[in-house]
Each structure stands twice: as C-alpha cells, then as structure tokens.
Amino acid sequence: MAGPRTTKPGGSSTTLDQTLEKTEEVAADVQRASNNLAVVSTVLEQELPDEVQVGDVALAIEHTNQLEEKLAKSAEQLAEVNAALSEEIEKRIEATAQRDESIALARKLKAEQKGQRSSGGSTD
C-alpha cells in the first residue's frame, strides 16, 4: 500500500511519508507474525493427540489461538491507520498544490498591477 510521495524543498521525504513507510513495515511484520503463529497453532492442534491436549498444553494452544486473533486484528487496524495516513498525505499534497497555485496567481496579479502603475495606469 504505497502512498503518494511528497517532498520538501531539497527532495527529502516528509515526516508523514516516513511515518507511513514505518507503519507499513510494522504492519507487514505483524501480519507475518500472525501467519507464523497460525502455523504453530495448526501444528499443535493437529500433531498432538487429544489425550495430550489437556491441562497446560490445552491452555498453551488456547493462548496461541488468542494471540493469533489479536495479531490478526492488530494487522487489520494497522492497515486502516495506513489507509487514513495515505489519505491525509494525499489531502496535504492537494492543499500544497492549491496553495502554490494561489501564490503564483497572487504574484502574477501583483506583477500585472505593478506594470499597470509604471505604464501610467491607475494610481492607488
């Protein structure tokens, strides 16, 4: 989920871009951990005979299943946060472009006004 890239003058990534990249890395790590834990859980449940899956072993299997669910939920939440962050970056890119257009228009109008004054136009 790579979002748009914004840059500051000089070409360095913005803090939001860096944050997005980091959260995407964390989300991928959490997803990998969840997948690995799912494999461990499946192996434990399938490989251990039912008569062994009691007491502490049963608790460990249940705990593994709960951790897997928590990790999967965390991965989903991180994906949502990353989507929101990407959206915010896009909004800021658009706002910056609009600001830059407004500044350019203001400069143009100011230059035109100055030109009219120097060519004998209206005096304010």
N, C-alpha and C. Protein backbone atom coordinates (compact mmCIF):
# COMPACT_ATOMS: atom_id res chain seq x y z
N MET A 1 0.82 -1.17 0.00
CA MET A 1 0.00 0.00 0.00
C MET A 1 0.87 1.24 0.00
N ALA A 2 1.59 1.44 -1.02
CA ALA A 2 2.48 2.59 -1.10
C ALA A 2 1.67 3.81 -1.47
N GLY A 3 1.79 4.85 -0.68
CA GLY A 3 1.04 6.07 -0.91
C GLY A 3 1.84 7.04 -1.74
N PRO A 4 1.26 8.20 -2.01
CA PRO A 4 1.96 9.21 -2.78
C PRO A 4 3.15 9.75 -2.01
N ARG A 5 4.12 10.20 -2.73
CA ARG A 5 5.33 10.73 -2.11
C ARG A 5 5.31 12.24 -2.21
N THR A 6 5.48 12.88 -1.08
CA THR A 6 5.64 14.33 -1.07
C THR A 6 7.07 14.62 -0.67
N THR A 7 7.55 15.75 -1.16
CA THR A 7 8.92 16.10 -0.81
C THR A 7 8.98 17.55 -0.37
N LYS A 8 9.90 17.81 0.50
CA LYS A 8 10.20 19.16 0.91
C LYS A 8 11.23 19.71 -0.08
N PRO A 9 11.42 21.02 -0.12
CA PRO A 9 12.48 21.54 -0.96
C PRO A 9 13.80 20.86 -0.61
N GLY A 10 14.50 20.43 -1.62
CA GLY A 10 15.74 19.70 -1.38
C GLY A 10 15.54 18.21 -1.61
N GLY A 11 14.26 17.76 -1.72
CA GLY A 11 13.99 16.40 -2.11
C GLY A 11 13.85 15.37 -1.01
N SER A 12 13.91 15.74 0.26
CA SER A 12 13.82 14.75 1.32
C SER A 12 12.36 14.37 1.56
N SER A 13 12.12 13.14 2.00
CA SER A 13 10.76 12.69 2.29
C SER A 13 10.22 13.45 3.48
N THR A 14 8.92 13.67 3.46
CA THR A 14 8.29 14.34 4.59
C THR A 14 8.16 13.38 5.76
N THR A 15 7.90 13.94 6.91
CA THR A 15 7.71 13.14 8.11
C THR A 15 6.52 12.19 7.95
N LEU A 16 5.45 12.65 7.32
CA LEU A 16 4.30 11.77 7.11
C LEU A 16 4.66 10.58 6.24
N ASP A 17 5.43 10.80 5.20
CA ASP A 17 5.86 9.70 4.34
C ASP A 17 6.70 8.70 5.12
N GLN A 18 7.59 9.22 5.93
CA GLN A 18 8.45 8.34 6.73
C GLN A 18 7.62 7.55 7.73
N THR A 19 6.63 8.21 8.32
CA THR A 19 5.74 7.53 9.26
C THR A 19 4.94 6.45 8.55
N LEU A 20 4.43 6.75 7.38
CA LEU A 20 3.67 5.77 6.61
C LEU A 20 4.54 4.56 6.27
N GLU A 21 5.75 4.81 5.82
CA GLU A 21 6.66 3.71 5.49
C GLU A 21 6.91 2.83 6.72
N LYS A 22 7.12 3.45 7.86
CA LYS A 22 7.39 2.70 9.08
C LYS A 22 6.17 1.87 9.51
N THR A 23 4.99 2.48 9.45
CA THR A 23 3.80 1.73 9.84
C THR A 23 3.50 0.60 8.87
N GLU A 24 3.83 0.79 7.60
CA GLU A 24 3.66 -0.30 6.63
C GLU A 24 4.61 -1.45 6.94
N GLU A 25 5.84 -1.12 7.35
CA GLU A 25 6.80 -2.16 7.75
C GLU A 25 6.30 -2.91 8.98
N VAL A 26 5.79 -2.16 9.95
CA VAL A 26 5.27 -2.77 11.18
C VAL A 26 4.06 -3.65 10.84
N ALA A 27 3.19 -3.17 9.99
CA ALA A 27 2.01 -3.95 9.60
C ALA A 27 2.43 -5.26 8.93
N ALA A 28 3.44 -5.19 8.09
CA ALA A 28 3.93 -6.41 7.44
C ALA A 28 4.53 -7.37 8.46
N ASP A 29 5.27 -6.84 9.43
CA ASP A 29 5.84 -7.68 10.49
C ASP A 29 4.74 -8.34 11.33
N VAL A 30 3.72 -7.57 11.67
CA VAL A 30 2.62 -8.11 12.46
C VAL A 30 1.89 -9.19 11.67
N GLN A 31 1.67 -8.94 10.39
CA GLN A 31 1.00 -9.93 9.55
C GLN A 31 1.82 -11.21 9.45
N ARG A 32 3.13 -11.08 9.30
CA ARG A 32 3.99 -12.27 9.25
C ARG A 32 3.95 -13.03 10.57
N ALA A 33 3.97 -12.30 11.68
CA ALA A 33 3.91 -12.95 12.99
C ALA A 33 2.58 -13.67 13.16
N SER A 34 1.51 -13.06 12.71
CA SER A 34 0.20 -13.69 12.78
C SER A 34 0.16 -14.95 11.95
N ASN A 35 0.70 -14.89 10.76
CA ASN A 35 0.74 -16.07 9.89
C ASN A 35 1.58 -17.19 10.51
N ASN A 36 2.73 -16.83 11.07
CA ASN A 36 3.58 -17.83 11.71
C ASN A 36 2.89 -18.46 12.91
N LEU A 37 2.22 -17.64 13.68
CA LEU A 37 1.51 -18.15 14.85
C LEU A 37 0.36 -19.06 14.42
N ALA A 38 -0.28 -18.75 13.33
CA ALA A 38 -1.36 -19.60 12.82
C ALA A 38 -0.81 -20.98 12.45
N VAL A 39 0.38 -21.01 11.86
CA VAL A 39 1.01 -22.29 11.52
C VAL A 39 1.32 -23.08 12.79
N VAL A 40 1.90 -22.41 13.78
CA VAL A 40 2.23 -23.08 15.05
C VAL A 40 0.96 -23.64 15.68
N SER A 41 -0.07 -22.82 15.71
CA SER A 41 -1.33 -23.25 16.31
C SER A 41 -1.90 -24.47 15.59
N THR A 42 -1.90 -24.45 14.28
CA THR A 42 -2.41 -25.56 13.49
C THR A 42 -1.61 -26.83 13.74
N VAL A 43 -0.29 -26.68 13.76
CA VAL A 43 0.57 -27.84 14.00
C VAL A 43 0.31 -28.42 15.39
N LEU A 44 0.22 -27.56 16.39
CA LEU A 44 -0.05 -28.04 17.75
C LEU A 44 -1.37 -28.80 17.82
N GLU A 45 -2.40 -28.24 17.22
CA GLU A 45 -3.71 -28.88 17.28
C GLU A 45 -3.76 -30.19 16.50
N GLN A 46 -3.08 -30.23 15.36
CA GLN A 46 -3.15 -31.42 14.51
C GLN A 46 -2.18 -32.51 14.94
N GLU A 47 -1.03 -32.14 15.45
CA GLU A 47 0.01 -33.12 15.74
C GLU A 47 -0.08 -33.72 17.13
N LEU A 48 -0.68 -32.98 18.04
CA LEU A 48 -0.77 -33.51 19.40
C LEU A 48 -2.06 -34.32 19.55
N PRO A 49 -1.96 -35.53 20.05
CA PRO A 49 -3.17 -36.33 20.26
C PRO A 49 -4.10 -35.65 21.26
N ASP A 50 -5.38 -35.91 21.12
CA ASP A 50 -6.38 -35.30 22.00
C ASP A 50 -6.08 -35.54 23.48
N GLU A 51 -5.59 -36.74 23.80
CA GLU A 51 -5.32 -37.04 25.21
C GLU A 51 -4.17 -36.21 25.77
N VAL A 52 -3.34 -35.63 24.91
CA VAL A 52 -2.23 -34.78 25.36
C VAL A 52 -2.67 -33.33 25.47
N GLN A 53 -3.73 -32.98 24.71
CA GLN A 53 -4.20 -31.60 24.68
C GLN A 53 -5.08 -31.30 25.90
N VAL A 54 -4.49 -31.44 27.07
CA VAL A 54 -5.19 -31.16 28.32
C VAL A 54 -4.29 -30.31 29.21
N GLY A 55 -4.85 -29.76 30.24
CA GLY A 55 -4.06 -29.01 31.21
C GLY A 55 -3.29 -27.86 30.59
N ASP A 56 -2.01 -27.79 30.92
CA ASP A 56 -1.15 -26.70 30.44
C ASP A 56 -1.03 -26.69 28.93
N VAL A 57 -1.01 -27.86 28.32
CA VAL A 57 -0.90 -27.93 26.85
C VAL A 57 -2.16 -27.34 26.22
N ALA A 58 -3.32 -27.67 26.74
CA ALA A 58 -4.56 -27.11 26.23
C ALA A 58 -4.59 -25.60 26.41
N LEU A 59 -4.12 -25.13 27.56
CA LEU A 59 -4.05 -23.69 27.81
C LEU A 59 -3.09 -23.00 26.85
N ALA A 60 -1.97 -23.65 26.58
CA ALA A 60 -0.99 -23.08 25.64
C ALA A 60 -1.58 -22.99 24.24
N ILE A 61 -2.30 -24.01 23.83
CA ILE A 61 -2.92 -24.00 22.50
C ILE A 61 -3.97 -22.89 22.44
N GLU A 62 -4.79 -22.78 23.47
CA GLU A 62 -5.81 -21.73 23.51
C GLU A 62 -5.17 -20.35 23.50
N HIS A 63 -4.11 -20.20 24.29
CA HIS A 63 -3.39 -18.91 24.33
C HIS A 63 -2.81 -18.58 22.96
N THR A 64 -2.28 -19.56 22.28
CA THR A 64 -1.73 -19.37 20.93
C THR A 64 -2.84 -18.90 19.98
N ASN A 65 -4.01 -19.52 20.09
CA ASN A 65 -5.13 -19.11 19.24
C ASN A 65 -5.56 -17.67 19.53
N GLN A 66 -5.58 -17.31 20.81
CA GLN A 66 -5.96 -15.95 21.18
C GLN A 66 -4.94 -14.93 20.66
N LEU A 67 -3.66 -15.27 20.78
CA LEU A 67 -2.62 -14.37 20.27
C LEU A 67 -2.72 -14.21 18.76
N GLU A 68 -3.00 -15.30 18.09
CA GLU A 68 -3.16 -15.24 16.63
C GLU A 68 -4.29 -14.28 16.27
N GLU A 69 -5.42 -14.37 16.97
CA GLU A 69 -6.55 -13.47 16.71
C GLU A 69 -6.18 -12.01 16.98
N LYS A 70 -5.48 -11.78 18.09
CA LYS A 70 -5.07 -10.41 18.43
C LYS A 70 -4.12 -9.84 17.38
N LEU A 71 -3.18 -10.66 16.94
CA LEU A 71 -2.24 -10.20 15.92
C LEU A 71 -2.96 -9.90 14.60
N ALA A 72 -3.89 -10.75 14.24
CA ALA A 72 -4.64 -10.53 13.00
C ALA A 72 -5.44 -9.23 13.10
N LYS A 73 -6.06 -8.99 14.26
CA LYS A 73 -6.82 -7.75 14.46
C LYS A 73 -5.90 -6.54 14.42
N SER A 74 -4.73 -6.67 15.04
CA SER A 74 -3.77 -5.56 15.02
C SER A 74 -3.30 -5.26 13.60
N ALA A 75 -3.10 -6.30 12.81
CA ALA A 75 -2.70 -6.10 11.41
C ALA A 75 -3.79 -5.36 10.65
N GLU A 76 -5.05 -5.71 10.89
CA GLU A 76 -6.17 -5.02 10.24
C GLU A 76 -6.22 -3.55 10.66
N GLN A 77 -6.03 -3.30 11.95
CA GLN A 77 -6.07 -1.92 12.45
C GLN A 77 -4.92 -1.10 11.87
N LEU A 78 -3.76 -1.71 11.77
CA LEU A 78 -2.63 -1.00 11.16
C LEU A 78 -2.91 -0.68 9.70
N ALA A 79 -3.55 -1.59 9.00
CA ALA A 79 -3.90 -1.34 7.60
C ALA A 79 -4.86 -0.16 7.50
N GLU A 80 -5.81 -0.08 8.44
CA GLU A 80 -6.75 1.05 8.46
C GLU A 80 -6.02 2.36 8.75
N VAL A 81 -5.10 2.33 9.70
CA VAL A 81 -4.32 3.52 10.03
C VAL A 81 -3.49 3.95 8.83
N ASN A 82 -2.88 2.99 8.16
CA ASN A 82 -2.08 3.31 6.98
C ASN A 82 -2.93 3.92 5.87
N ALA A 83 -4.14 3.41 5.69
CA ALA A 83 -5.03 3.97 4.68
C ALA A 83 -5.39 5.41 5.03
N ALA A 84 -5.68 5.65 6.31
CA ALA A 84 -6.01 7.02 6.75
C ALA A 84 -4.80 7.94 6.58
N LEU A 85 -3.63 7.44 6.89
CA LEU A 85 -2.41 8.24 6.74
C LEU A 85 -2.14 8.56 5.27
N SER A 86 -2.34 7.59 4.41
CA SER A 86 -2.18 7.82 2.96
C SER A 86 -3.16 8.88 2.48
N GLU A 87 -4.39 8.81 2.98
CA GLU A 87 -5.41 9.80 2.62
C GLU A 87 -4.99 11.20 3.08
N GLU A 88 -4.47 11.28 4.30
CA GLU A 88 -4.02 12.57 4.82
C GLU A 88 -2.87 13.13 3.98
N ILE A 89 -1.96 12.27 3.59
CA ILE A 89 -0.84 12.71 2.74
C ILE A 89 -1.38 13.26 1.42
N GLU A 90 -2.34 12.55 0.84
CA GLU A 90 -2.92 12.99 -0.43
C GLU A 90 -3.61 14.34 -0.27
N LYS A 91 -4.35 14.52 0.83
CA LYS A 91 -5.01 15.81 1.08
C LYS A 91 -3.99 16.93 1.21
N ARG A 92 -2.90 16.63 1.90
CA ARG A 92 -1.87 17.66 2.07
C ARG A 92 -1.17 17.99 0.75
N ILE A 93 -0.99 16.99 -0.09
CA ILE A 93 -0.40 17.23 -1.41
C ILE A 93 -1.31 18.17 -2.20
N GLU A 94 -2.62 17.88 -2.17
CA GLU A 94 -3.58 18.71 -2.89
C GLU A 94 -3.62 20.13 -2.32
N ALA A 95 -3.62 20.25 -1.00
CA ALA A 95 -3.65 21.57 -0.36
C ALA A 95 -2.39 22.36 -0.71
N THR A 96 -1.25 21.68 -0.72
CA THR A 96 0.01 22.35 -1.06
C THR A 96 -0.02 22.82 -2.51
N ALA A 97 -0.55 21.99 -3.41
CA ALA A 97 -0.64 22.38 -4.82
C ALA A 97 -1.56 23.59 -4.98
N GLN A 98 -2.69 23.58 -4.28
CA GLN A 98 -3.61 24.72 -4.35
C GLN A 98 -2.97 25.98 -3.79
N ARG A 99 -2.24 25.83 -2.68
CA ARG A 99 -1.55 26.97 -2.10
C ARG A 99 -0.53 27.53 -3.08
N ASP A 100 0.25 26.63 -3.69
CA ASP A 100 1.27 27.07 -4.64
C ASP A 100 0.64 27.79 -5.83
N GLU A 101 -0.51 27.28 -6.31
CA GLU A 101 -1.21 27.93 -7.41
C GLU A 101 -1.69 29.32 -7.00
N SER A 102 -2.20 29.43 -5.78
CA SER A 102 -2.68 30.72 -5.28
C SER A 102 -1.53 31.71 -5.15
N ILE A 103 -0.41 31.25 -4.66
CA ILE A 103 0.76 32.13 -4.52
C ILE A 103 1.22 32.60 -5.90
N ALA A 104 1.27 31.68 -6.86
CA ALA A 104 1.69 32.04 -8.21
C ALA A 104 0.72 33.05 -8.82
N LEU A 105 -0.58 32.86 -8.63
CA LEU A 105 -1.58 33.79 -9.16
C LEU A 105 -1.44 35.15 -8.49
N ALA A 106 -1.24 35.16 -7.17
CA ALA A 106 -1.09 36.43 -6.45
C ALA A 106 0.14 37.19 -6.96
N ARG A 107 1.23 36.46 -7.19
CA ARG A 107 2.44 37.12 -7.71
C ARG A 107 2.20 37.68 -9.11
N LYS A 108 1.49 36.90 -9.93
CA LYS A 108 1.20 37.36 -11.30
C LYS A 108 0.34 38.62 -11.27
N LEU A 109 -0.70 38.58 -10.42
CA LEU A 109 -1.58 39.75 -10.33
C LEU A 109 -0.83 40.96 -9.80
N LYS A 110 0.04 40.73 -8.84
CA LYS A 110 0.82 41.82 -8.27
C LYS A 110 1.76 42.41 -9.33
N ALA A 111 2.37 41.52 -10.11
CA ALA A 111 3.27 42.00 -11.17
C ALA A 111 2.49 42.78 -12.23
N GLU A 112 1.30 42.29 -12.58
CA GLU A 112 0.47 43.00 -13.56
C GLU A 112 0.05 44.36 -13.03
N GLN A 113 -0.32 44.39 -11.77
CA GLN A 113 -0.72 45.65 -11.14
C GLN A 113 0.44 46.63 -11.12
N LYS A 114 1.61 46.12 -10.80
CA LYS A 114 2.80 46.97 -10.76
C LYS A 114 3.11 47.49 -12.17
N GLY A 115 2.93 46.62 -13.17
CA GLY A 115 3.17 47.02 -14.56
C GLY A 115 2.20 48.09 -15.02
N GLN A 116 0.95 47.99 -14.60
CA GLN A 116 -0.05 48.99 -14.95
C GLN A 116 0.29 50.35 -14.33
N ARG A 117 0.78 50.30 -13.10
CA ARG A 117 1.14 51.55 -12.41
C ARG A 117 2.32 52.22 -13.12
N SER A 118 3.31 51.43 -13.49
CA SER A 118 4.50 52.02 -14.10
C SER A 118 4.26 52.47 -15.52
N SER A 119 3.21 51.94 -16.19
CA SER A 119 2.92 52.36 -17.56
C SER A 119 1.90 53.49 -17.63
N GLY A 120 1.65 54.09 -16.49
CA GLY A 120 0.74 55.23 -16.45
C GLY A 120 -0.70 54.85 -16.23
N GLY A 121 -0.94 53.66 -15.76
CA GLY A 121 -2.30 53.19 -15.48
C GLY A 121 -2.84 53.90 -14.27
N SER A 122 -3.76 53.30 -13.62
CA SER A 122 -4.39 53.92 -12.45
C SER A 122 -3.40 54.06 -11.32
N THR A 123 -3.60 55.06 -10.52
CA THR A 123 -2.75 55.27 -9.35
C THR A 123 -3.58 55.06 -8.11
N ASP A 124 -3.12 54.21 -7.24
CA ASP A 124 -3.85 53.91 -6.00
C ASP A 124 -3.23 54.58 -4.83
